[in-house]
PDB file of N, CA and C in Angstrom:
ATOM      1  N   MET A   1     -88.629 -56.237-118.503  1.00  0.00           N
ATOM      2  CA  MET A   1     -89.675 -56.302-117.506  1.00  0.00           C
ATOM      3  C   MET A   1     -89.218 -57.194-116.355  1.00  0.00           C
ATOM      4  N   LEU A   2     -89.401 -56.733-115.140  1.00  0.00           N
ATOM      5  CA  LEU A   2     -89.009 -57.496-113.970  1.00  0.00           C
ATOM      6  C   LEU A   2     -90.044 -58.563-113.662  1.00  0.00           C
ATOM      7  N   GLY A   3     -89.602 -59.719-113.234  1.00  0.00           N
ATOM      8  CA  GLY A   3     -90.516 -60.779-112.850  1.00  0.00           C
ATOM      9  C   GLY A   3     -90.903 -60.659-111.381  1.00  0.00           C
ATOM     10  N   ILE A   4     -91.966 -61.289-111.045  1.00  0.00           N
ATOM     11  CA  ILE A   4     -92.419 -61.303-109.653  1.00  0.00           C
ATOM     12  C   ILE A   4     -91.632 -62.382-108.921  1.00  0.00           C
ATOM     13  N   THR A   5     -91.096 -62.019-107.770  1.00  0.00           N
ATOM     14  CA  THR A   5     -90.353 -62.992-106.977  1.00  0.00           C
ATOM     15  C   THR A   5     -91.105 -63.280-105.701  1.00  0.00           C
ATOM     16  N   GLU A   6     -90.936 -64.455-105.197  1.00  0.00           N
ATOM     17  CA  GLU A   6     -91.565 -64.845-103.939  1.00  0.00           C
ATOM     18  C   GLU A   6     -90.826 -64.188-102.792  1.00  0.00           C
ATOM     19  N   THR A   7     -91.554 -63.535-101.909  1.00  0.00           N
ATOM     20  CA  THR A   7     -90.932 -62.906-100.751  1.00  0.00           C
ATOM     21  C   THR A   7     -91.285 -63.628 -99.462  1.00  0.00           C
ATOM     22  N   GLU A   8     -92.264 -64.507 -99.542  1.00  0.00           N
ATOM     23  CA  GLU A   8     -92.658 -65.271 -98.376  1.00  0.00           C
ATOM     24  C   GLU A   8     -92.709 -66.746 -98.756  1.00  0.00           C
ATOM     25  N   GLU A   9     -92.507 -67.598 -97.782  1.00  0.00           N
ATOM     26  CA  GLU A   9     -92.622 -69.020 -98.027  1.00  0.00           C
ATOM     27  C   GLU A   9     -94.069 -69.360 -98.305  1.00  0.00           C
ATOM     28  N   ASP A  10     -94.281 -70.420 -99.074  1.00  0.00           N
ATOM     29  CA  ASP A  10     -95.656 -70.863 -99.330  1.00  0.00           C
ATOM     30  C   ASP A  10     -96.331 -71.214 -98.021  1.00  0.00           C
ATOM     31  N   THR A  11     -97.584 -70.857 -97.923  1.00  0.00           N
ATOM     32  CA  THR A  11     -98.354 -71.141 -96.716  1.00  0.00           C
ATOM     33  C   THR A  11     -98.824 -72.582 -96.747  1.00  0.00           C
ATOM     34  N   ASP A  12     -98.691 -73.274 -95.649  1.00  0.00           N
ATOM     35  CA  ASP A  12     -99.197 -74.633 -95.522  1.00  0.00           C
ATOM     36  C   ASP A  12    -100.599 -74.558 -94.948  1.00  0.00           C
ATOM     37  N   TRP A  13    -101.599 -74.653 -95.807  1.00  0.00           N
ATOM     38  CA  TRP A  13    -102.987 -74.523 -95.370  1.00  0.00           C
ATOM     39  C   TRP A  13    -103.408 -75.665 -94.472  1.00  0.00           C
ATOM     40  N   GLY A  14    -102.623 -76.710 -94.389  1.00  0.00           N
ATOM     41  CA  GLY A  14    -102.970 -77.836 -93.550  1.00  0.00           C
ATOM     42  C   GLY A  14    -102.465 -77.703 -92.123  1.00  0.00           C
ATOM     43  N   GLU A  15    -101.822 -76.593 -91.804  1.00  0.00           N
ATOM     44  CA  GLU A  15    -101.324 -76.390 -90.444  1.00  0.00           C
ATOM     45  C   GLU A  15    -102.466 -76.465 -89.446  1.00  0.00           C
ATOM     46  N   LYS A  16    -102.150 -76.860 -88.231  1.00  0.00           N
ATOM     47  CA  LYS A  16    -103.166 -76.996 -87.189  1.00  0.00           C
ATOM     48  C   LYS A  16    -103.322 -75.740 -86.347  1.00  0.00           C
ATOM     49  N   THR A  17    -102.548 -74.718 -86.630  1.00  0.00           N
ATOM     50  CA  THR A  17    -102.635 -73.491 -85.851  1.00  0.00           C
ATOM     51  C   THR A  17    -103.690 -72.564 -86.427  1.00  0.00           C
ATOM     52  N   VAL A  18    -104.133 -71.631 -85.617  1.00  0.00           N
ATOM     53  CA  VAL A  18    -105.071 -70.605 -86.052  1.00  0.00           C
ATOM     54  C   VAL A  18    -104.270 -69.327 -86.226  1.00  0.00           C
ATOM     55  N   PRO A  19    -104.445 -68.625 -87.352  1.00  0.00           N
ATOM     56  CA  PRO A  19    -103.665 -67.410 -87.554  1.00  0.00           C
ATOM     57  C   PRO A  19    -104.024 -66.321 -86.556  1.00  0.00           C
ATOM     58  N   GLN A  20    -103.066 -65.421 -86.323  1.00  0.00           N
ATOM     59  CA  GLN A  20    -103.360 -64.245 -85.506  1.00  0.00           C
ATOM     60  C   GLN A  20    -104.373 -63.402 -86.251  1.00  0.00           C
ATOM     61  N   LEU A  21    -105.188 -62.684 -85.498  1.00  0.00           N
ATOM     62  CA  LEU A  21    -106.157 -61.803 -86.134  1.00  0.00           C
ATOM     63  C   LEU A  21    -105.434 -60.769 -86.983  1.00  0.00           C
ATOM     64  N   GLY A  22    -105.944 -60.554 -88.182  1.00  0.00           N
ATOM     65  CA  GLY A  22    -105.382 -59.542 -89.062  1.00  0.00           C
ATOM     66  C   GLY A  22    -105.629 -58.145 -88.520  1.00  0.00           C
ATOM     67  N   ASN A  23    -104.931 -57.185 -89.074  1.00  0.00           N
ATOM     68  CA  ASN A  23    -105.038 -55.802 -88.606  1.00  0.00           C
ATOM     69  C   ASN A  23    -106.344 -55.137 -89.005  1.00  0.00           C
ATOM     70  N   THR A  24    -106.913 -55.517 -90.135  1.00  0.00           N
ATOM     71  CA  THR A  24    -108.125 -54.868 -90.613  1.00  0.00           C
ATOM     72  C   THR A  24    -109.255 -55.893 -90.731  1.00  0.00           C
ATOM     73  N   THR A  25    -110.457 -55.383 -90.855  1.00  0.00           N
ATOM     74  CA  THR A  25    -111.606 -56.264 -91.053  1.00  0.00           C
ATOM     75  C   THR A  25    -111.430 -57.072 -92.330  1.00  0.00           C
ATOM     76  N   LEU A  26    -110.946 -56.453 -93.375  1.00  0.00           N
ATOM     77  CA  LEU A  26    -110.723 -57.163 -94.631  1.00  0.00           C
ATOM     78  C   LEU A  26    -109.693 -58.273 -94.463  1.00  0.00           C
ATOM     79  N   ASP A  27    -108.627 -58.014 -93.701  1.00  0.00           N
ATOM     80  CA  ASP A  27    -107.636 -59.056 -93.414  1.00  0.00           C
ATOM     81  C   ASP A  27    -108.300 -60.255 -92.751  1.00  0.00           C
ATOM     82  N   ARG A  28    -109.150 -59.989 -91.774  1.00  0.00           N
ATOM     83  CA  ARG A  28    -109.804 -61.068 -91.037  1.00  0.00           C
ATOM     84  C   ARG A  28    -110.767 -61.852 -91.930  1.00  0.00           C
ATOM     85  N   ILE A  29    -111.455 -61.178 -92.833  1.00  0.00           N
ATOM     86  CA  ILE A  29    -112.327 -61.892 -93.766  1.00  0.00           C
ATOM     87  C   ILE A  29    -111.493 -62.783 -94.678  1.00  0.00           C
ATOM     88  N   HIS A  30    -110.402 -62.259 -95.193  1.00  0.00           N
ATOM     89  CA  HIS A  30    -109.536 -63.065 -96.054  1.00  0.00           C
ATOM     90  C   HIS A  30    -108.981 -64.270 -95.297  1.00  0.00           C
ATOM     91  N   GLN A  31    -108.601 -64.072 -94.039  1.00  0.00           N
ATOM     92  CA  GLN A  31    -108.110 -65.195 -93.242  1.00  0.00           C
ATOM     93  C   GLN A  31    -109.192 -66.263 -93.101  1.00  0.00           C
ATOM     94  N   SER A  32    -110.411 -65.839 -92.844  1.00  0.00           N
ATOM     95  CA  SER A  32    -111.492 -66.818 -92.685  1.00  0.00           C
ATOM     96  C   SER A  32    -111.788 -67.520 -94.000  1.00  0.00           C
ATOM     97  N   MET A  33    -111.693 -66.812 -95.116  1.00  0.00           N
ATOM     98  CA  MET A  33    -111.903 -67.423 -96.428  1.00  0.00           C
ATOM     99  C   MET A  33    -110.840 -68.486 -96.712  1.00  0.00           C
ATOM    100  N   ILE A  34    -109.607 -68.215 -96.327  1.00  0.00           N
ATOM    101  CA  ILE A  34    -108.522 -69.176 -96.527  1.00  0.00           C
ATOM    102  C   ILE A  34    -108.762 -70.426 -95.692  1.00  0.00           C
ATOM    103  N   LEU A  35    -109.178 -70.242 -94.442  1.00  0.00           N
ATOM    104  CA  LEU A  35    -109.478 -71.396 -93.592  1.00  0.00           C
ATOM    105  C   LEU A  35    -110.622 -72.217 -94.189  1.00  0.00           C
ATOM    106  N   PHE A  36    -111.661 -71.547 -94.688  1.00  0.00           N
ATOM    107  CA  PHE A  36    -112.769 -72.254 -95.312  1.00  0.00           C
ATOM    108  C   PHE A  36    -112.292 -73.015 -96.545  1.00  0.00           C
ATOM    109  N   ALA A  37    -111.513 -72.350 -97.392  1.00  0.00           N
ATOM    110  CA  ALA A  37    -111.027 -72.966 -98.630  1.00  0.00           C
ATOM    111  C   ALA A  37    -110.172 -74.197 -98.353  1.00  0.00           C
ATOM    112  N   ALA A  38    -109.455 -74.160 -97.243  1.00  0.00           N
ATOM    113  CA  ALA A  38    -108.588 -75.279 -96.877  1.00  0.00           C
ATOM    114  C   ALA A  38    -109.351 -76.402 -96.181  1.00  0.00           C
ATOM    115  N   GLY A  39    -110.650 -76.204 -95.946  1.00  0.00           N
ATOM    116  CA  GLY A  39    -111.446 -77.228 -95.283  1.00  0.00           C
ATOM    117  C   GLY A  39    -111.163 -77.346 -93.798  1.00  0.00           C
ATOM    118  N   ARG A  40    -110.695 -76.282 -93.210  1.00  0.00           N
ATOM    119  CA  ARG A  40    -110.316 -76.293 -91.795  1.00  0.00           C
ATOM    120  C   ARG A  40    -111.440 -75.714 -90.942  1.00  0.00           C
ATOM    121  N   SER A  41    -112.546 -76.439 -90.876  1.00  0.00           N
ATOM    122  CA  SER A  41    -113.744 -75.928 -90.206  1.00  0.00           C
ATOM    123  C   SER A  41    -113.541 -75.702 -88.711  1.00  0.00           C
ATOM    124  N   GLU A  42    -112.788 -76.545 -88.041  1.00  0.00           N
ATOM    125  CA  GLU A  42    -112.546 -76.333 -86.605  1.00  0.00           C
ATOM    126  C   GLU A  42    -111.679 -75.100 -86.384  1.00  0.00           C
ATOM    127  N   ALA A  43    -110.670 -74.913 -87.221  1.00  0.00           N
ATOM    128  CA  ALA A  43    -109.824 -73.721 -87.114  1.00  0.00           C
ATOM    129  C   ALA A  43    -110.634 -72.471 -87.444  1.00  0.00           C
ATOM    130  N   LEU A  44    -111.544 -72.578 -88.407  1.00  0.00           N
ATOM    131  CA  LEU A  44    -112.409 -71.447 -88.745  1.00  0.00           C
ATOM    132  C   LEU A  44    -113.301 -71.094 -87.565  1.00  0.00           C
ATOM    133  N   LYS A  45    -113.840 -72.105 -86.923  1.00  0.00           N
ATOM    134  CA  LYS A  45    -114.678 -71.878 -85.742  1.00  0.00           C
ATOM    135  C   LYS A  45    -113.874 -71.195 -84.643  1.00  0.00           C
ATOM    136  N   ARG A  46    -112.661 -71.685 -84.374  1.00  0.00           N
ATOM    137  CA  ARG A  46    -111.817 -71.070 -83.345  1.00  0.00           C
ATOM    138  C   ARG A  46    -111.486 -69.628 -83.715  1.00  0.00           C
ATOM    139  N   PHE A  47    -111.196 -69.377 -84.982  1.00  0.00           N
ATOM    140  CA  PHE A  47    -110.845 -68.035 -85.449  1.00  0.00           C
ATOM    141  C   PHE A  47    -112.016 -67.076 -85.248  1.00  0.00           C
ATOM    142  N   LEU A  48    -113.209 -67.511 -85.611  1.00  0.00           N
ATOM    143  CA  LEU A  48    -114.379 -66.643 -85.516  1.00  0.00           C
ATOM    144  C   LEU A  48    -114.890 -66.496 -84.089  1.00  0.00           C
ATOM    145  N   VAL A  49    -114.894 -67.589 -83.331  1.00  0.00           N
ATOM    146  CA  VAL A  49    -115.482 -67.573 -81.988  1.00  0.00           C
ATOM    147  C   VAL A  49    -114.431 -67.276 -80.923  1.00  0.00           C
ATOM    148  N   ASP A  50    -113.447 -68.139 -80.799  1.00  0.00           N
ATOM    149  CA  ASP A  50    -112.463 -68.011 -79.716  1.00  0.00           C
ATOM    150  C   ASP A  50    -111.549 -66.794 -79.889  1.00  0.00           C
ATOM    151  N   GLU A  51    -111.089 -66.566 -81.118  1.00  0.00           N
ATOM    152  CA  GLU A  51    -110.212 -65.427 -81.375  1.00  0.00           C
ATOM    153  C   GLU A  51    -111.008 -64.131 -81.529  1.00  0.00           C
ATOM    154  N   GLY A  52    -112.319 -64.241 -81.719  1.00  0.00           N
ATOM    155  CA  GLY A  52    -113.192 -63.078 -81.711  1.00  0.00           C
ATOM    156  C   GLY A  52    -113.417 -62.367 -83.029  1.00  0.00           C
ATOM    157  N   ALA A  53    -112.919 -62.908 -84.129  1.00  0.00           N
ATOM    158  CA  ALA A  53    -113.103 -62.227 -85.415  1.00  0.00           C
ATOM    159  C   ALA A  53    -114.579 -62.049 -85.760  1.00  0.00           C
ATOM    160  N   GLY A  54    -115.411 -62.997 -85.376  1.00  0.00           N
ATOM    161  CA  GLY A  54    -116.828 -62.932 -85.711  1.00  0.00           C
ATOM    162  C   GLY A  54    -117.653 -62.045 -84.794  1.00  0.00           C
ATOM    163  N   ASN A  55    -117.061 -61.518 -83.752  1.00  0.00           N
ATOM    164  CA  ASN A  55    -117.796 -60.656 -82.820  1.00  0.00           C
ATOM    165  C   ASN A  55    -118.026 -59.252 -83.360  1.00  0.00           C
ATOM    166  N   ASP A  56    -117.316 -58.888 -84.387  1.00  0.00           N
ATOM    167  CA  ASP A  56    -117.394 -57.552 -84.975  1.00  0.00           C
ATOM    168  C   ASP A  56    -118.430 -57.561 -86.104  1.00  0.00           C
ATOM    169  N   GLN A  57    -119.490 -56.785 -85.950  1.00  0.00           N
ATOM    170  CA  GLN A  57    -120.537 -56.753 -86.980  1.00  0.00           C
ATOM    171  C   GLN A  57    -120.018 -56.197 -88.305  1.00  0.00           C
ATOM    172  N   ARG A  58    -118.941 -55.409 -88.264  1.00  0.00           N
ATOM    173  CA  ARG A  58    -118.337 -54.932 -89.515  1.00  0.00           C
ATOM    174  C   ARG A  58    -117.808 -56.100 -90.334  1.00  0.00           C
ATOM    175  N   PHE A  59    -117.332 -57.144 -89.656  1.00  0.00           N
ATOM    176  CA  PHE A  59    -116.839 -58.346 -90.336  1.00  0.00           C
ATOM    177  C   PHE A  59    -117.937 -58.933 -91.206  1.00  0.00           C
ATOM    178  N   TRP A  60    -119.108 -59.130 -90.617  1.00  0.00           N
ATOM    179  CA  TRP A  60    -120.211 -59.764 -91.336  1.00  0.00           C
ATOM    180  C   TRP A  60    -120.765 -58.841 -92.417  1.00  0.00           C
ATOM    181  N   GLY A  61    -120.814 -57.555 -92.145  1.00  0.00           N
ATOM    182  CA  GLY A  61    -121.295 -56.609 -93.148  1.00  0.00           C
ATOM    183  C   GLY A  61    -120.387 -56.542 -94.366  1.00  0.00           C
ATOM    184  N   LEU A  62    -119.084 -56.501 -94.129  1.00  0.00           N
ATOM    185  CA  LEU A  62    -118.135 -56.468 -95.239  1.00  0.00           C
ATOM    186  C   LEU A  62    -118.134 -57.799 -95.984  1.00  0.00           C
ATOM    187  N   ALA A  63    -118.246 -58.903 -95.262  1.00  0.00           N
ATOM    188  CA  ALA A  63    -118.315 -60.211 -95.919  1.00  0.00           C
ATOM    189  C   ALA A  63    -119.532 -60.280 -96.839  1.00  0.00           C
ATOM    190  N   GLN A  64    -120.658 -59.756 -96.378  1.00  0.00           N
ATOM    191  CA  GLN A  64    -121.871 -59.735 -97.203  1.00  0.00           C
ATOM    192  C   GLN A  64    -121.665 -58.858 -98.442  1.00  0.00           C
ATOM    193  N   ALA A  65    -121.015 -57.702 -98.270  1.00  0.00           N
ATOM    194  CA  ALA A  65    -120.740 -56.818 -99.406  1.00  0.00           C
ATOM    195  C   ALA A  65    -119.810 -57.493-100.417  1.00  0.00           C
ATOM    196  N   LEU A  66    -118.787 -58.190 -99.928  1.00  0.00           N
ATOM    197  CA  LEU A  66    -117.876 -58.899-100.828  1.00  0.00           C
ATOM    198  C   LEU A  66    -118.614 -59.996-101.586  1.00  0.00           C
ATOM    199  N   SER A  67    -119.506 -60.693-100.901  1.00  0.00           N
ATOM    200  CA  SER A  67    -120.292 -61.740-101.552  1.00  0.00           C
ATOM    201  C   SER A  67    -121.098 -61.168-102.712  1.00  0.00           C
ATOM    202  N   ALA A  68    -121.649 -59.978-102.505  1.00  0.00           N
ATOM    203  CA  ALA A  68    -122.433 -59.334-103.560  1.00  0.00           C
ATOM    204  C   ALA A  68    -121.559 -58.869-104.725  1.00  0.00           C
ATOM    205  N   LEU A  69    -120.295 -58.549-104.428  1.00  0.00           N
ATOM    206  CA  LEU A  69    -119.402 -58.034-105.463  1.00  0.00           C
ATOM    207  C   LEU A  69    -118.678 -59.119-106.255  1.00  0.00           C
ATOM    208  N   TYR A  70    -118.350 -60.241-105.600  1.00  0.00           N
ATOM    209  CA  TYR A  70    -117.625 -61.302-106.311  1.00  0.00           C
ATOM    210  C   TYR A  70    -118.528 -61.901-107.385  1.00  0.00           C
ATOM    211  N   PRO A  71    -117.978 -62.136-108.570  1.00  0.00           N
ATOM    212  CA  PRO A  71    -118.778 -62.738-109.638  1.00  0.00           C
ATOM    213  C   PRO A  71    -119.222 -64.169-109.280  1.00  0.00           C
ATOM    214  N   THR A  72    -120.422 -64.510-109.699  1.00  0.00           N
ATOM    215  CA  THR A  72    -120.945 -65.861-109.492  1.00  0.00           C
ATOM    216  C   THR A  72    -120.001 -66.869-110.130  1.00  0.00           C
ATOM    217  N   GLY A  73    -119.785 -67.968-109.430  1.00  0.00           N
ATOM    218  CA  GLY A  73    -118.948 -69.037-109.958  1.00  0.00           C
ATOM    219  C   GLY A  73    -117.474 -68.920-109.626  1.00  0.00           C
ATOM    220  N   THR A  74    -117.064 -67.860-108.938  1.00  0.00           N
ATOM    221  CA  THR A  74    -115.649 -67.719-108.581  1.00  0.00           C
ATOM    222  C   THR A  74    -115.377 -68.410-107.246  1.00  0.00           C
ATOM    223  N   ASP A  75    -114.138 -68.818-107.070  1.00  0.00           N
ATOM    224  CA  ASP A  75    -113.739 -69.426-105.803  1.00  0.00           C
ATOM    225  C   ASP A  75    -113.954 -68.460-104.658  1.00  0.00           C
ATOM    226  N   GLU A  76    -113.603 -67.199-104.855  1.00  0.00           N
ATOM    227  CA  GLU A  76    -113.723 -66.216-103.785  1.00  0.00           C
ATOM    228  C   GLU A  76    -115.164 -66.083-103.295  1.00  0.00           C
ATOM    229  N   LYS A  77    -116.119 -66.077-104.218  1.00  0.00           N
ATOM    230  CA  LYS A  77    -117.527 -65.992-103.828  1.00  0.00           C
ATOM    231  C   LYS A  77    -117.925 -67.238-103.039  1.00  0.00           C
ATOM    232  N   ARG A  78    -117.493 -68.377-103.498  1.00  0.00           N
ATOM    233  CA  ARG A  78    -117.809 -69.626-102.801  1.00  0.00           C
ATOM    234  C   ARG A  78    -117.229 -69.612-101.391  1.00  0.00           C
ATOM    235  N   TRP A  79    -116.007 -69.117-101.247  1.00  0.00           N
ATOM    236  CA  TRP A  79    -115.353 -69.088 -99.942  1.00  0.00           C
ATOM    237  C   TRP A  79    -116.034 -68.124 -98.977  1.00  0.00           C
ATOM    238  N   VAL A  80    -116.308 -66.901 -99.438  1.00  0.00           N
ATOM    239  CA  VAL A  80    -116.949 -65.931 -98.541  1.00  0.00           C
ATOM    240  C   VAL A  80    -118.367 -66.379 -98.208  1.00  0.00           C
ATOM    241  N   ASP A  81    -119.073 -66.979 -99.172  1.00  0.00           N
ATOM    242  CA  ASP A  81    -120.411 -67.498 -98.893  1.00  0.00           C
ATOM    243  C   ASP A  81    -120.357 -68.651 -97.892  1.00  0.00           C
ATOM    244  N   GLY A  82    -119.293 -69.446 -97.954  1.00  0.00           N
ATOM    245  CA  GLY A  82    -119.119 -70.528 -96.987  1.00  0.00           C
ATOM    246  C   GLY A  82    -118.926 -70.006 -95.576  1.00  0.00           C
ATOM    247  N   VAL A  83    -118.167 -68.927 -95.461  1.00  0.00           N
ATOM    248  CA  VAL A  83    -117.977 -68.294 -94.157  1.00  0.00           C
ATOM    249  C   VAL A  83    -119.302 -67.728 -93.654  1.00  0.00           C
ATOM    250  N   LEU A  84    -120.022 -67.025 -94.533  1.00  0.00           N
ATOM    251  CA  LEU A  84    -121.314 -66.445 -94.147  1.00  0.00           C
ATOM    252  C   LEU A  84    -122.323 -67.509 -93.745  1.00  0.00           C
ATOM    253  N   ALA A  85    -122.260 -68.673 -94.370  1.00  0.00           N
ATOM    254  CA  ALA A  85    -123.186 -69.760 -94.049  1.00  0.00           C
ATOM    255  C   ALA A  85    -123.011 -70.281 -92.627  1.00  0.00           C
ATOM    256  N   ARG A  86    -121.834 -70.056 -92.044  1.00  0.00           N
ATOM    257  CA  ARG A  86    -121.563 -70.532 -90.679  1.00  0.00           C
ATOM    258  C   ARG A  86    -121.963 -69.536 -89.600  1.00  0.00           C
ATOM    259  N   LYS A  87    -122.357 -68.343 -89.997  1.00  0.00           N
ATOM    260  CA  LYS A  87    -122.664 -67.274 -89.050  1.00  0.00           C
ATOM    261  C   LYS A  87    -123.707 -67.694 -88.026  1.00  0.00           C
ATOM    262  N   LYS A  88    -124.844 -68.126 -88.462  1.00  0.00           N
ATOM    263  CA  LYS A  88    -125.941 -68.465 -87.551  1.00  0.00           C
ATOM    264  C   LYS A  88    -125.591 -69.670 -86.684  1.00  0.00           C
ATOM    265  N   GLY A  89    -124.979 -70.678 -87.274  1.00  0.00           N
ATOM    266  CA  GLY A  89    -124.613 -71.880 -86.537  1.00  0.00           C
ATOM    267  C   GLY A  89    -123.593 -71.634 -85.437  1.00  0.00           C
ATOM    268  N   LEU A  90    -122.830 -70.573 -85.574  1.00  0.00           N
ATOM    269  CA  LEU A  90    -121.828 -70.218 -84.559  1.00  0.00           C
ATOM    270  C   LEU A  90    -122.357 -69.229 -83.548  1.00  0.00           C
ATOM    271  N   GLY A  91    -123.620 -68.835 -83.704  1.00  0.00           N
ATOM    272  CA  GLY A  91    -124.255 -67.971 -82.717  1.00  0.00           C
ATOM    273  C   GLY A  91    -124.078 -66.485 -82.955  1.00  0.00           C
ATOM    274  N   PHE A  92    -123.805 -66.083 -84.190  1.00  0.00           N
ATOM    275  CA  PHE A  92    -123.632 -64.655 -84.483  1.00  0.00           C
ATOM    276  C   PHE A  92    -124.865 -64.087 -85.105  1.00  0.00           C
TER     277      PHE A  92
END
């Protein structure tokens, strides 16, 4: 059986940069979840507001659907719920 090998360097979640917008709505939700998980609230705000990820209503609809699908108590549910909790405060 072949083992899994690393093809990319580990991501430094503490970086001060904001990632480029992902190609799909799901990519953008995952990016926002990673920023939330890393405690990078200012970068999350820039990603959603300045970079425009939060301007797409499909983003919020899919995030809500993922929240409903993730099992209670999982990190992923906590992360997507954290992103959704910022929606109103950011003016969306």
